[in-house]
């Protein structure tokens, strides 16, 4: 594969997505911890790792990734000190709902896409068998089989 470093060649695409998600979580968390304050908008960056994690795994894991994003957001905004009451205000609940919803939807769509791809491979296999069966039966279409000369 061209353009892929040799160190990543043995890693599958879902694993790469998950690694990118972990790195993005770390980057957004570091930015929030250093420069974050409510209203600045850096917390919106957590949508990227949530969607990457969901695309690499499933809807359920995407929802957990959303919950992790909220925890990291609150931890960074509060300067490393967090209590249970921080999660009960309207801002945190809104953020939780949106992060979890993004993870659920992205994970569901990614899983559905993987299932559709698997089903299409079965259909493709059936079509190939059907094509070979039709080509092997001389006289079925009046054209003869492949390799047979027509008169």
Protein backbone atom coordinates (compact mmCIF):
# COMPACT_ATOMS: atom_id res chain seq x y z
CA UNK A 1 0.00 0.00 0.00
CA UNK A 2 1.45 3.29 -1.09
CA UNK A 3 1.43 6.22 1.28
CA UNK A 4 1.10 4.12 4.43
CA UNK A 5 4.14 4.05 6.73
CA UNK A 6 5.59 0.59 7.28
CA UNK A 7 4.81 0.79 11.01
CA UNK A 8 1.06 1.01 10.25
CA UNK A 9 0.80 -1.69 7.60
CA UNK A 10 -0.07 -4.45 10.06
CA UNK A 11 -2.77 -2.40 11.77
CA UNK A 12 -6.36 -2.68 10.52
CA UNK A 13 -8.43 0.39 9.63
CA UNK A 14 -10.67 0.13 12.73
CA UNK A 15 -7.56 -0.08 14.90
CA UNK A 16 -6.14 3.01 13.17
CA UNK A 17 -9.40 4.85 13.77
CA UNK A 18 -9.32 3.90 17.44
CA UNK A 19 -5.68 5.02 17.79
CA UNK A 20 -6.57 8.32 16.12
CA UNK A 21 -9.47 8.66 18.55
CA UNK A 22 -7.21 8.17 21.58
CA UNK A 23 -4.73 10.72 20.23
CA UNK A 24 -7.52 13.21 19.54
CA UNK A 25 -8.91 12.73 23.06
CA UNK A 26 -5.46 13.53 24.43
CA UNK A 27 -5.01 16.60 22.23
CA UNK A 28 -8.44 18.08 23.00
CA UNK A 29 -8.02 17.33 26.71
CA UNK A 30 -4.59 19.04 26.77
CA UNK A 31 -5.97 22.10 24.96
CA UNK A 32 -8.92 22.31 27.34
CA UNK A 33 -6.76 21.83 30.41
CA UNK A 34 -4.37 24.56 29.33
CA UNK A 35 -6.62 27.10 27.62
CA UNK A 36 -10.18 25.99 28.30
CA UNK A 37 -12.91 27.89 29.96
CA UNK A 38 -16.68 27.59 29.57
CA UNK A 39 -17.94 29.27 26.41
CA UNK A 40 -14.67 29.11 24.45
CA UNK A 41 -15.86 26.19 22.30
CA UNK A 42 -12.90 23.85 22.66
CA UNK A 43 -15.23 21.16 24.01
CA UNK A 44 -16.75 20.82 20.54
CA UNK A 45 -13.49 19.18 19.52
CA UNK A 46 -14.50 16.08 21.48
CA UNK A 47 -16.98 15.18 18.73
CA UNK A 48 -14.07 14.07 16.52
CA UNK A 49 -12.68 11.39 18.88
CA UNK A 50 -16.21 10.27 19.82
CA UNK A 51 -17.09 9.70 16.15
CA UNK A 52 -13.73 8.04 15.42
CA UNK A 53 -14.17 5.65 18.35
CA UNK A 54 -17.75 4.89 17.34
CA UNK A 55 -16.76 4.25 13.72
CA UNK A 56 -14.05 1.87 14.88
CA UNK A 57 -16.29 -0.08 17.25
CA UNK A 58 -20.07 0.01 17.69
CA UNK A 59 -23.01 2.15 18.78
CA UNK A 60 -22.66 1.03 22.40
CA UNK A 61 -18.96 1.83 22.47
CA UNK A 62 -19.73 5.15 20.76
CA UNK A 63 -22.10 6.03 23.58
CA UNK A 64 -19.40 5.17 26.12
CA UNK A 65 -16.95 7.32 24.15
CA UNK A 66 -19.43 10.19 24.47
CA UNK A 67 -19.65 9.72 28.22
CA UNK A 68 -15.84 9.67 28.41
CA UNK A 69 -15.75 12.94 26.46
CA UNK A 70 -18.02 14.58 29.04
CA UNK A 71 -15.87 13.31 31.91
CA UNK A 72 -12.68 14.60 30.27
CA UNK A 73 -14.34 17.94 29.49
CA UNK A 74 -15.51 18.47 33.05
CA UNK A 75 -12.16 17.32 34.47
CA UNK A 76 -10.21 19.74 32.25
CA UNK A 77 -12.55 22.70 32.76
CA UNK A 78 -12.54 22.26 36.54
CA UNK A 79 -8.73 22.12 36.68
CA UNK A 80 -8.46 18.48 37.68
CA UNK A 81 -10.93 18.65 40.56
CA UNK A 82 -14.27 17.04 39.92
CA UNK A 83 -17.26 16.15 42.05
CA UNK A 84 -20.51 14.38 41.20
CA UNK A 85 -22.47 17.64 41.30
CA UNK A 86 -20.53 18.85 38.24
CA UNK A 87 -22.46 16.37 36.10
CA UNK A 88 -25.95 17.43 37.17
CA UNK A 89 -26.07 20.98 35.78
CA UNK A 90 -27.91 21.71 32.54
CA UNK A 91 -24.74 22.40 30.55
CA UNK A 92 -23.22 19.03 31.46
CA UNK A 93 -26.45 17.15 30.76
CA UNK A 94 -26.80 18.85 27.38
CA UNK A 95 -23.19 18.01 26.54
CA UNK A 96 -23.72 14.43 27.69
CA UNK A 97 -26.80 14.03 25.51
CA UNK A 98 -25.09 15.44 22.44
CA UNK A 99 -21.82 13.49 22.85
CA UNK A 100 -23.67 10.24 23.51
CA UNK A 101 -26.08 10.83 20.62
CA UNK A 102 -23.18 11.50 18.25
CA UNK A 103 -21.48 8.30 19.37
CA UNK A 104 -24.67 6.25 19.08
CA UNK A 105 -25.53 7.49 15.59
CA UNK A 106 -21.99 7.21 14.23
CA UNK A 107 -21.55 3.73 15.72
CA UNK A 108 -24.90 2.55 14.39
CA UNK A 109 -24.19 3.84 10.89
CA UNK A 110 -20.69 2.36 10.87
CA UNK A 111 -22.01 -1.02 12.01
CA UNK A 112 -24.81 -0.89 9.45
CA UNK A 113 -22.28 -0.07 6.74
CA UNK A 114 -20.11 -3.03 7.75
CA UNK A 115 -23.16 -5.36 7.68
CA UNK A 116 -24.22 -4.05 4.28
CA UNK A 117 -20.71 -4.62 2.93
CA UNK A 118 -20.70 -8.19 4.24
CA UNK A 119 -24.11 -8.83 2.65
CA UNK A 120 -22.97 -7.36 -0.66
CA UNK A 121 -20.03 -9.75 -0.73
CA UNK A 122 -22.44 -12.69 -0.41
CA UNK A 123 -24.58 -11.27 -3.21
CA UNK A 124 -21.48 -10.77 -5.36
CA UNK A 125 -20.48 -14.38 -4.76
CA UNK A 126 -23.96 -15.54 -5.83
CA UNK A 127 -23.77 -13.41 -8.97
CA UNK A 128 -20.39 -14.86 -9.89
CA UNK A 129 -21.75 -18.40 -9.44
CA UNK A 130 -24.79 -17.52 -11.52
CA UNK A 131 -22.63 -16.05 -14.28
CA UNK A 132 -20.37 -19.09 -14.35
CA UNK A 133 -23.40 -21.38 -14.48
CA UNK A 134 -24.86 -19.52 -17.44
CA UNK A 135 -21.58 -19.41 -19.30
CA UNK A 136 -20.92 -23.11 -18.79
CA UNK A 137 -24.27 -24.20 -20.29
CA UNK A 138 -23.96 -24.17 -24.09
CA UNK A 139 -27.08 -23.37 -26.01
CA UNK A 140 -28.75 -21.61 -23.09
CA UNK A 141 -28.51 -18.18 -24.70
CA UNK A 142 -27.63 -19.26 -28.20
CA UNK A 143 -24.14 -17.83 -27.87
CA UNK A 144 -22.34 -20.91 -26.57
CA UNK A 145 -19.84 -21.05 -23.74
CA UNK A 146 -16.78 -18.93 -23.27
CA UNK A 147 -13.95 -20.07 -25.48
CA UNK A 148 -16.25 -21.85 -27.91
CA UNK A 149 -16.12 -20.35 -31.38
CA UNK A 150 -19.37 -19.27 -32.99
CA UNK A 151 -20.19 -20.31 -36.55
